[in-house]
Amino acid sequence: INAIDPAQRTAVQAMLDAELRRQERLKQTLRS
């Protein structure tokens, strides 16, 4: 991610943040 053009990095970071949210949501499913 450090090598990605700053103009594109915001979109990439948004995608990665969505993946972290996915992980937390699915962990809650497993824990239930």
PDB file of all heavy atoms in Angstrom:
ATOM      1  N   ILE A   1       0.825  -1.208   0.000  1.00  0.00           N
ATOM      2  CA  ILE A   1       0.000   0.000   0.000  1.00  0.00           C
ATOM      3  C   ILE A   1       0.861   1.261   0.000  1.00  0.00           C
ATOM      4  O   ILE A   1       0.462   2.308  -0.516  1.00  0.00           O
ATOM      5  CB  ILE A   1      -0.993   0.007   1.182  1.00  0.00           C
ATOM      6  CG1 ILE A   1      -2.064   1.088   0.953  1.00  0.00           C
ATOM      7  CG2 ILE A   1      -0.276   0.171   2.518  1.00  0.00           C
ATOM      8  CD1 ILE A   1      -3.251   0.989   1.862  1.00  0.00           C
ATOM      9  N   ASN A   2       2.071   1.189   0.537  1.00  0.00           N
ATOM     10  CA  ASN A   2       2.953   2.351   0.556  1.00  0.00           C
ATOM     11  C   ASN A   2       3.456   2.709  -0.832  1.00  0.00           C
ATOM     12  O   ASN A   2       3.923   3.834  -1.053  1.00  0.00           O
ATOM     13  CB  ASN A   2       4.148   2.107   1.478  1.00  0.00           C
ATOM     14  CG  ASN A   2       3.742   2.049   2.935  1.00  0.00           C
ATOM     15  OD1 ASN A   2       2.647   2.486   3.309  1.00  0.00           O
ATOM     16  ND2 ASN A   2       4.609   1.518   3.774  1.00  0.00           N
ATOM     17  N   ALA A   3       3.398   1.765  -1.761  1.00  0.00           N
ATOM     18  CA  ALA A   3       3.874   2.014  -3.119  1.00  0.00           C
ATOM     19  C   ALA A   3       2.756   2.462  -4.063  1.00  0.00           C
ATOM     20  O   ALA A   3       3.013   2.761  -5.230  1.00  0.00           O
ATOM     21  CB  ALA A   3       4.537   0.750  -3.671  1.00  0.00           C
ATOM     22  N   ILE A   4       1.529   2.507  -3.560  1.00  0.00           N
ATOM     23  CA  ILE A   4       0.390   2.882  -4.402  1.00  0.00           C
ATOM     24  C   ILE A   4       0.337   4.396  -4.551  1.00  0.00           C
ATOM     25  O   ILE A   4       0.562   5.146  -3.589  1.00  0.00           O
ATOM     26  CB  ILE A   4      -0.918   2.342  -3.794  1.00  0.00           C
ATOM     27  CG1 ILE A   4      -0.921   0.803  -3.849  1.00  0.00           C
ATOM     28  CG2 ILE A   4      -2.144   2.896  -4.514  1.00  0.00           C
ATOM     29  CD1 ILE A   4      -2.091   0.169  -3.132  1.00  0.00           C
ATOM     30  N   ASP A   5       0.043   4.838  -5.751  1.00  0.00           N
ATOM     31  CA  ASP A   5      -0.112   6.258  -6.038  1.00  0.00           C
ATOM     32  C   ASP A   5      -1.092   6.885  -5.036  1.00  0.00           C
ATOM     33  O   ASP A   5      -2.201   6.371  -4.843  1.00  0.00           O
ATOM     34  CB  ASP A   5      -0.652   6.414  -7.461  1.00  0.00           C
ATOM     35  CG  ASP A   5      -0.739   7.868  -7.930  1.00  0.00           C
ATOM     36  OD1 ASP A   5      -0.905   8.762  -7.086  1.00  0.00           O
ATOM     37  OD2 ASP A   5      -0.639   8.089  -9.152  1.00  0.00           O
ATOM     38  N   PRO A   6      -0.693   7.981  -4.378  1.00  0.00           N
ATOM     39  CA  PRO A   6      -1.597   8.616  -3.401  1.00  0.00           C
ATOM     40  C   PRO A   6      -2.978   8.934  -3.965  1.00  0.00           C
ATOM     41  O   PRO A   6      -3.971   8.925  -3.229  1.00  0.00           O
ATOM     42  CB  PRO A   6      -0.846   9.895  -3.016  1.00  0.00           C
ATOM     43  CG  PRO A   6       0.599   9.557  -3.218  1.00  0.00           C
ATOM     44  CD  PRO A   6       0.624   8.639  -4.416  1.00  0.00           C
ATOM     45  N   ALA A   7      -3.063   9.187  -5.272  1.00  0.00           N
ATOM     46  CA  ALA A   7      -4.363   9.487  -5.880  1.00  0.00           C
ATOM     47  C   ALA A   7      -5.297   8.289  -5.845  1.00  0.00           C
ATOM     48  O   ALA A   7      -6.519   8.445  -5.902  1.00  0.00           O
ATOM     49  CB  ALA A   7      -4.161   9.949  -7.318  1.00  0.00           C
ATOM     50  N   GLN A   8      -4.727   7.091  -5.778  1.00  0.00           N
ATOM     51  CA  GLN A   8      -5.532   5.864  -5.745  1.00  0.00           C
ATOM     52  C   GLN A   8      -5.631   5.266  -4.339  1.00  0.00           C
ATOM     53  O   GLN A   8      -6.452   4.392  -4.099  1.00  0.00           O
ATOM     54  CB  GLN A   8      -4.929   4.819  -6.692  1.00  0.00           C
ATOM     55  CG  GLN A   8      -4.897   5.233  -8.158  1.00  0.00           C
ATOM     56  CD  GLN A   8      -4.194   4.195  -9.003  1.00  0.00           C
ATOM     57  OE1 GLN A   8      -2.981   3.984  -8.877  1.00  0.00           O
ATOM     58  NE2 GLN A   8      -4.939   3.542  -9.883  1.00  0.00           N
ATOM     59  N   ARG A   9      -4.800   5.750  -3.443  1.00  0.00           N
ATOM     60  CA  ARG A   9      -4.689   5.106  -2.139  1.00  0.00           C
ATOM     61  C   ARG A   9      -5.965   5.220  -1.317  1.00  0.00           C
ATOM     62  O   ARG A   9      -6.305   4.307  -0.548  1.00  0.00           O
ATOM     63  CB  ARG A   9      -3.507   5.689  -1.374  1.00  0.00           C
ATOM     64  CG  ARG A   9      -3.044   4.810  -0.210  1.00  0.00           C
ATOM     65  CD  ARG A   9      -1.788   5.350   0.419  1.00  0.00           C
ATOM     66  NE  ARG A   9      -0.683   5.420  -0.529  1.00  0.00           N
ATOM     67  CZ  ARG A   9       0.467   6.023  -0.284  1.00  0.00           C
ATOM     68  NH1 ARG A   9       0.651   6.627   0.888  1.00  0.00           N
ATOM     69  NH2 ARG A   9       1.426   6.037  -1.189  1.00  0.00           N
ATOM     70  N   THR A  10      -6.703   6.307  -1.464  1.00  0.00           N
ATOM     71  CA  THR A  10      -7.934   6.474  -0.691  1.00  0.00           C
ATOM     72  C   THR A  10      -8.933   5.365  -1.008  1.00  0.00           C
ATOM     73  O   THR A  10      -9.558   4.788  -0.106  1.00  0.00           O
ATOM     74  CB  THR A  10      -8.561   7.846  -0.970  1.00  0.00           C
ATOM     75  OG1 THR A  10      -7.639   8.867  -0.574  1.00  0.00           O
ATOM     76  CG2 THR A  10      -9.855   8.012  -0.191  1.00  0.00           C
ATOM     77  N   ALA A  11      -9.080   5.054  -2.295  1.00  0.00           N
ATOM     78  CA  ALA A  11     -10.012   3.999  -2.696  1.00  0.00           C
ATOM     79  C   ALA A  11      -9.544   2.641  -2.187  1.00  0.00           C
ATOM     80  O   ALA A  11     -10.356   1.819  -1.732  1.00  0.00           O
ATOM     81  CB  ALA A  11     -10.152   3.971  -4.215  1.00  0.00           C
ATOM     82  N   VAL A  12      -8.236   2.414  -2.260  1.00  0.00           N
ATOM     83  CA  VAL A  12      -7.696   1.141  -1.766  1.00  0.00           C
ATOM     84  C   VAL A  12      -7.920   1.022  -0.266  1.00  0.00           C
ATOM     85  O   VAL A  12      -8.345  -0.027   0.239  1.00  0.00           O
ATOM     86  CB  VAL A  12      -6.203   1.018  -2.108  1.00  0.00           C
ATOM     87  CG1 VAL A  12      -5.615  -0.234  -1.460  1.00  0.00           C
ATOM     88  CG2 VAL A  12      -5.997   0.984  -3.620  1.00  0.00           C
ATOM     89  N   GLN A  13      -7.656   2.101   0.470  1.00  0.00           N
ATOM     90  CA  GLN A  13      -7.826   2.057   1.914  1.00  0.00           C
ATOM     91  C   GLN A  13      -9.278   1.823   2.287  1.00  0.00           C
ATOM     92  O   GLN A  13      -9.575   1.097   3.252  1.00  0.00           O
ATOM     93  CB  GLN A  13      -7.322   3.347   2.547  1.00  0.00           C
ATOM     94  CG  GLN A  13      -7.235   3.291   4.067  1.00  0.00           C
ATOM     95  CD  GLN A  13      -6.286   2.198   4.544  1.00  0.00           C
ATOM     96  OE1 GLN A  13      -5.112   2.180   4.190  1.00  0.00           O
ATOM     97  NE2 GLN A  13      -6.796   1.263   5.341  1.00  0.00           N
ATOM     98  N   ALA A  14     -10.205   2.396   1.539  1.00  0.00           N
ATOM     99  CA  ALA A  14     -11.625   2.163   1.798  1.00  0.00           C
ATOM    100  C   ALA A  14     -11.973   0.691   1.620  1.00  0.00           C
ATOM    101  O   ALA A  14     -12.750   0.120   2.399  1.00  0.00           O
ATOM    102  CB  ALA A  14     -12.474   3.031   0.879  1.00  0.00           C
ATOM    103  N   MET A  15     -11.414   0.074   0.575  1.00  0.00           N
ATOM    104  CA  MET A  15     -11.652  -1.346   0.347  1.00  0.00           C
ATOM    105  C   MET A  15     -11.081  -2.170   1.499  1.00  0.00           C
ATOM    106  O   MET A  15     -11.723  -3.111   2.003  1.00  0.00           O
ATOM    107  CB  MET A  15     -11.026  -1.768  -0.984  1.00  0.00           C
ATOM    108  CG  MET A  15     -11.168  -3.237  -1.339  1.00  0.00           C
ATOM    109  SD  MET A  15      -9.814  -4.286  -0.711  1.00  0.00           S
ATOM    110  CE  MET A  15      -8.428  -3.662  -1.694  1.00  0.00           C
ATOM    111  N   LEU A  16      -9.886  -1.825   1.956  1.00  0.00           N
ATOM    112  CA  LEU A  16      -9.247  -2.577   3.040  1.00  0.00           C
ATOM    113  C   LEU A  16      -9.999  -2.388   4.356  1.00  0.00           C
ATOM    114  O   LEU A  16     -10.149  -3.339   5.135  1.00  0.00           O
ATOM    115  CB  LEU A  16      -7.793  -2.138   3.180  1.00  0.00           C
ATOM    116  CG  LEU A  16      -6.890  -2.470   1.986  1.00  0.00           C
ATOM    117  CD1 LEU A  16      -5.508  -1.847   2.180  1.00  0.00           C
ATOM    118  CD2 LEU A  16      -6.773  -3.974   1.790  1.00  0.00           C
ATOM    119  N   ASP A  17     -10.482  -1.176   4.609  1.00  0.00           N
ATOM    120  CA  ASP A  17     -11.277  -0.944   5.823  1.00  0.00           C
ATOM    121  C   ASP A  17     -12.564  -1.776   5.788  1.00  0.00           C
ATOM    122  O   ASP A  17     -13.009  -2.290   6.825  1.00  0.00           O
ATOM    123  CB  ASP A  17     -11.612   0.539   5.956  1.00  0.00           C
ATOM    124  CG  ASP A  17     -10.390   1.390   6.289  1.00  0.00           C
ATOM    125  OD1 ASP A  17      -9.359   0.822   6.687  1.00  0.00           O
ATOM    126  OD2 ASP A  17     -10.477   2.623   6.132  1.00  0.00           O
ATOM    127  N   ALA A  18     -13.140  -1.923   4.604  1.00  0.00           N
ATOM    128  CA  ALA A  18     -14.342  -2.753   4.466  1.00  0.00           C
ATOM    129  C   ALA A  18     -14.023  -4.211   4.772  1.00  0.00           C
ATOM    130  O   ALA A  18     -14.860  -4.928   5.345  1.00  0.00           O
ATOM    131  CB  ALA A  18     -14.933  -2.609   3.071  1.00  0.00           C
ATOM    132  N   GLU A  19     -12.824  -4.644   4.411  1.00  0.00           N
ATOM    133  CA  GLU A  19     -12.440  -6.027   4.724  1.00  0.00           C
ATOM    134  C   GLU A  19     -12.277  -6.230   6.222  1.00  0.00           C
ATOM    135  O   GLU A  19     -12.653  -7.284   6.764  1.00  0.00           O
ATOM    136  CB  GLU A  19     -11.158  -6.407   3.972  1.00  0.00           C
ATOM    137  CG  GLU A  19     -11.352  -6.604   2.486  1.00  0.00           C
ATOM    138  CD  GLU A  19     -12.482  -7.570   2.156  1.00  0.00           C
ATOM    139  OE1 GLU A  19     -12.589  -8.621   2.815  1.00  0.00           O
ATOM    140  OE2 GLU A  19     -13.270  -7.264   1.238  1.00  0.00           O
ATOM    141  N   LEU A  20     -11.736  -5.235   6.916  1.00  0.00           N
ATOM    142  CA  LEU A  20     -11.630  -5.352   8.377  1.00  0.00           C
ATOM    143  C   LEU A  20     -13.017  -5.420   9.008  1.00  0.00           C
ATOM    144  O   LEU A  20     -13.234  -6.182   9.955  1.00  0.00           O
ATOM    145  CB  LEU A  20     -10.843  -4.170   8.938  1.00  0.00           C
ATOM    146  CG  LEU A  20      -9.352  -4.117   8.575  1.00  0.00           C
ATOM    147  CD1 LEU A  20      -8.714  -2.870   9.184  1.00  0.00           C
ATOM    148  CD2 LEU A  20      -8.617  -5.377   9.035  1.00  0.00           C
ATOM    149  N   ARG A  21     -13.953  -4.656   8.475  1.00  0.00           N
ATOM    150  CA  ARG A  21     -15.327  -4.728   8.991  1.00  0.00           C
ATOM    151  C   ARG A  21     -15.931  -6.088   8.697  1.00  0.00           C
ATOM    152  O   ARG A  21     -16.677  -6.643   9.528  1.00  0.00           O
ATOM    153  CB  ARG A  21     -16.180  -3.612   8.383  1.00  0.00           C
ATOM    154  CG  ARG A  21     -15.798  -2.215   8.871  1.00  0.00           C
ATOM    155  CD  ARG A  21     -16.857  -1.180   8.506  1.00  0.00           C
ATOM    156  NE  ARG A  21     -17.009  -1.014   7.063  1.00  0.00           N
ATOM    157  CZ  ARG A  21     -16.284  -0.172   6.330  1.00  0.00           C
ATOM    158  NH1 ARG A  21     -15.335   0.570   6.896  1.00  0.00           N
ATOM    159  NH2 ARG A  21     -16.507  -0.051   5.029  1.00  0.00           N
ATOM    160  N   ARG A  22     -15.646  -6.629   7.522  1.00  0.00           N
ATOM    161  CA  ARG A  22     -16.138  -7.976   7.192  1.00  0.00           C
ATOM    162  C   ARG A  22     -15.616  -8.981   8.220  1.00  0.00           C
ATOM    163  O   ARG A  22     -16.366  -9.836   8.713  1.00  0.00           O
ATOM    164  CB  ARG A  22     -15.667  -8.379   5.794  1.00  0.00           C
ATOM    165  CG  ARG A  22     -16.209  -9.753   5.347  1.00  0.00           C
ATOM    166  CD  ARG A  22     -15.342 -10.412   4.274  1.00  0.00           C
ATOM    167  NE  ARG A  22     -15.188  -9.632   3.065  1.00  0.00           N
ATOM    168  CZ  ARG A  22     -15.923  -9.769   1.963  1.00  0.00           C
ATOM    169  NH1 ARG A  22     -16.894 -10.665   1.932  1.00  0.00           N
ATOM    170  NH2 ARG A  22     -15.674  -9.024   0.898  1.00  0.00           N
ATOM    171  N   GLN A  23     -14.327  -8.894   8.516  1.00  0.00           N
ATOM    172  CA  GLN A  23     -13.732  -9.832   9.464  1.00  0.00           C
ATOM    173  C   GLN A  23     -14.408  -9.766  10.825  1.00  0.00           C
ATOM    174  O   GLN A  23     -14.716 -10.800  11.437  1.00  0.00           O
ATOM    175  CB  GLN A  23     -12.232  -9.553   9.584  1.00  0.00           C
ATOM    176  CG  GLN A  23     -11.446  -9.878   8.326  1.00  0.00           C
ATOM    177  CD  GLN A  23     -10.010  -9.402   8.404  1.00  0.00           C
ATOM    178  OE1 GLN A  23      -9.413  -9.371   9.475  1.00  0.00           O
ATOM    179  NE2 GLN A  23      -9.438  -9.021   7.258  1.00  0.00           N
ATOM    180  N   GLU A  24     -14.654  -8.557  11.320  1.00  0.00           N
ATOM    181  CA  GLU A  24     -15.289  -8.420  12.629  1.00  0.00           C
ATOM    182  C   GLU A  24     -16.717  -8.947  12.607  1.00  0.00           C
ATOM    183  O   GLU A  24     -17.173  -9.596  13.556  1.00  0.00           O
ATOM    184  CB  GLU A  24     -15.249  -6.959  13.078  1.00  0.00           C
ATOM    185  CG  GLU A  24     -13.859  -6.483  13.470  1.00  0.00           C
ATOM    186  CD  GLU A  24     -13.221  -7.382  14.516  1.00  0.00           C
ATOM    187  OE1 GLU A  24     -13.894  -7.708  15.525  1.00  0.00           O
ATOM    188  OE2 GLU A  24     -12.050  -7.785  14.322  1.00  0.00           O
ATOM    189  N   ARG A  25     -17.440  -8.675  11.536  1.00  0.00           N
ATOM    190  CA  ARG A  25     -18.818  -9.166  11.413  1.00  0.00           C
ATOM    191  C   ARG A  25     -18.856 -10.690  11.423  1.00  0.00           C
ATOM    192  O   ARG A  25     -19.694 -11.311  12.119  1.00  0.00           O
ATOM    193  CB  ARG A  25     -19.435  -8.627  10.122  1.00  0.00           C
ATOM    194  CG  ARG A  25     -20.792  -9.212   9.777  1.00  0.00           C
ATOM    195  CD  ARG A  25     -21.422  -8.529   8.585  1.00  0.00           C
ATOM    196  NE  ARG A  25     -20.576  -8.531   7.395  1.00  0.00           N
ATOM    197  CZ  ARG A  25     -20.450  -9.556   6.550  1.00  0.00           C
ATOM    198  NH1 ARG A  25     -21.095 -10.706   6.807  1.00  0.00           N
ATOM    199  NH2 ARG A  25     -19.695  -9.463   5.479  1.00  0.00           N
ATOM    200  N   LEU A  26     -17.956 -11.322  10.679  1.00  0.00           N
ATOM    201  CA  LEU A  26     -17.952 -12.783  10.596  1.00  0.00           C
ATOM    202  C   LEU A  26     -17.433 -13.422  11.880  1.00  0.00           C
ATOM    203  O   LEU A  26     -17.869 -14.520  12.254  1.00  0.00           O
ATOM    204  CB  LEU A  26     -17.125 -13.227   9.390  1.00  0.00           C
ATOM    205  CG  LEU A  26     -17.700 -12.813   8.027  1.00  0.00           C
ATOM    206  CD1 LEU A  26     -16.786 -13.271   6.893  1.00  0.00           C
ATOM    207  CD2 LEU A  26     -19.104 -13.376   7.831  1.00  0.00           C
ATOM    208  N   LYS A  27     -16.530 -12.746  12.577  1.00  0.00           N
ATOM    209  CA  LYS A  27     -16.098 -13.255  13.880  1.00  0.00           C
ATOM    210  C   LYS A  27     -17.274 -13.298  14.841  1.00  0.00           C
ATOM    211  O   LYS A  27     -17.420 -14.255  15.620  1.00  0.00           O
ATOM    212  CB  LYS A  27     -14.979 -12.377  14.450  1.00  0.00           C
ATOM    213  CG  LYS A  27     -13.627 -12.551  13.787  1.00  0.00           C
ATOM    214  CD  LYS A  27     -12.603 -11.598  14.397  1.00  0.00           C
ATOM    215  CE  LYS A  27     -11.286 -11.636  13.659  1.00  0.00           C
ATOM    216  NZ  LYS A  27     -10.299 -10.670  14.218  1.00  0.00           N
ATOM    217  N   GLN A  28     -18.108 -12.268  14.803  1.00  0.00           N
ATOM    218  CA  GLN A  28     -19.292 -12.257  15.664  1.00  0.00           C
ATOM    219  C   GLN A  28     -20.216 -13.419  15.319  1.00  0.00           C
ATOM    220  O   GLN A  28     -20.816 -14.032  16.213  1.00  0.00           O
ATOM    221  CB  GLN A  28     -20.025 -10.924  15.527  1.00  0.00           C
ATOM    222  CG  GLN A  28     -19.306  -9.746  16.158  1.00  0.00           C
ATOM    223  CD  GLN A  28     -19.057  -9.939  17.646  1.00  0.00           C
ATOM    224  OE1 GLN A  28     -19.893 -10.486  18.376  1.00  0.00           O
ATOM    225  NE2 GLN A  28     -17.884  -9.508  18.108  1.00  0.00           N
ATOM    226  N   THR A  29     -20.317 -13.733  14.046  1.00  0.00           N
ATOM    227  CA  THR A  29     -21.136 -14.882  13.635  1.00  0.00           C
ATOM    228  C   THR A  29     -20.583 -16.171  14.223  1.00  0.00           C
ATOM    229  O   THR A  29     -21.339 -17.004  14.744  1.00  0.00           O
ATOM    230  CB  THR A  29     -21.189 -14.975  12.100  1.00  0.00           C
ATOM    231  OG1 THR A  29     -21.774 -13.786  11.576  1.00  0.00           O
ATOM    232  CG2 THR A  29     -22.014 -16.181  11.659  1.00  0.00           C
ATOM    233  N   LEU A  30     -19.283 -16.351  14.144  1.00  0.00           N
ATOM    234  CA  LEU A  30     -18.663 -17.559  14.708  1.00  0.00           C
ATOM    235  C   LEU A  30     -18.845 -17.608  16.219  1.00  0.00           C
ATOM    236  O   LEU A  30     -19.150 -18.668  16.784  1.00  0.00           O
ATOM    237  CB  LEU A  30     -17.179 -17.606  14.359  1.00  0.00           C
ATOM    238  CG  LEU A  30     -16.796 -17.779  12.888  1.00  0.00           C
ATOM    239  CD1 LEU A  30     -15.275 -17.821  12.744  1.00  0.00           C
ATOM    240  CD2 LEU A  30     -17.408 -19.035  12.287  1.00  0.00           C
ATOM    241  N   ARG A  31     -18.671 -16.483  16.891  1.00  0.00           N
ATOM    242  CA  ARG A  31     -18.762 -16.446  18.355  1.00  0.00           C
ATOM    243  C   ARG A  31     -20.180 -16.718  18.846  1.00  0.00           C
ATOM    244  O   ARG A  31     -20.369 -17.163  19.990  1.00  0.00           O
ATOM    245  CB  ARG A  31     -18.294 -15.083  18.862  1.00  0.00           C
ATOM    246  CG  ARG A  31     -16.803 -14.840  18.701  1.00  0.00           C
ATOM    247  CD  ARG A  31     -16.429 -13.423  19.089  1.00  0.00           C
ATOM    248  NE  ARG A  31     -15.011 -13.165  18.853  1.00  0.00           N
ATOM    249  CZ  ARG A  31     -14.528 -12.025  18.337  1.00  0.00           C
ATOM    250  NH1 ARG A  31     -15.370 -11.041  18.006  1.00  0.00           N
ATOM    251  NH2 ARG A  31     -13.235 -11.872  18.150  1.00  0.00           N
ATOM    252  N   SER A  32     -21.153 -16.462  17.998  1.00  0.00           N
ATOM    253  CA  SER A  32     -22.553 -16.662  18.411  1.00  0.00           C
ATOM    254  C   SER A  32     -22.945 -18.134  18.459  1.00  0.00           C
ATOM    255  O   SER A  32     -24.026 -18.465  18.963  1.00  0.00           O
ATOM    256  CB  SER A  32     -23.480 -15.914  17.449  1.00  0.00           C
ATOM    257  OG  SER A  32     -23.465 -16.514  16.157  1.00  0.00           O
TER     258      SER A  32
END
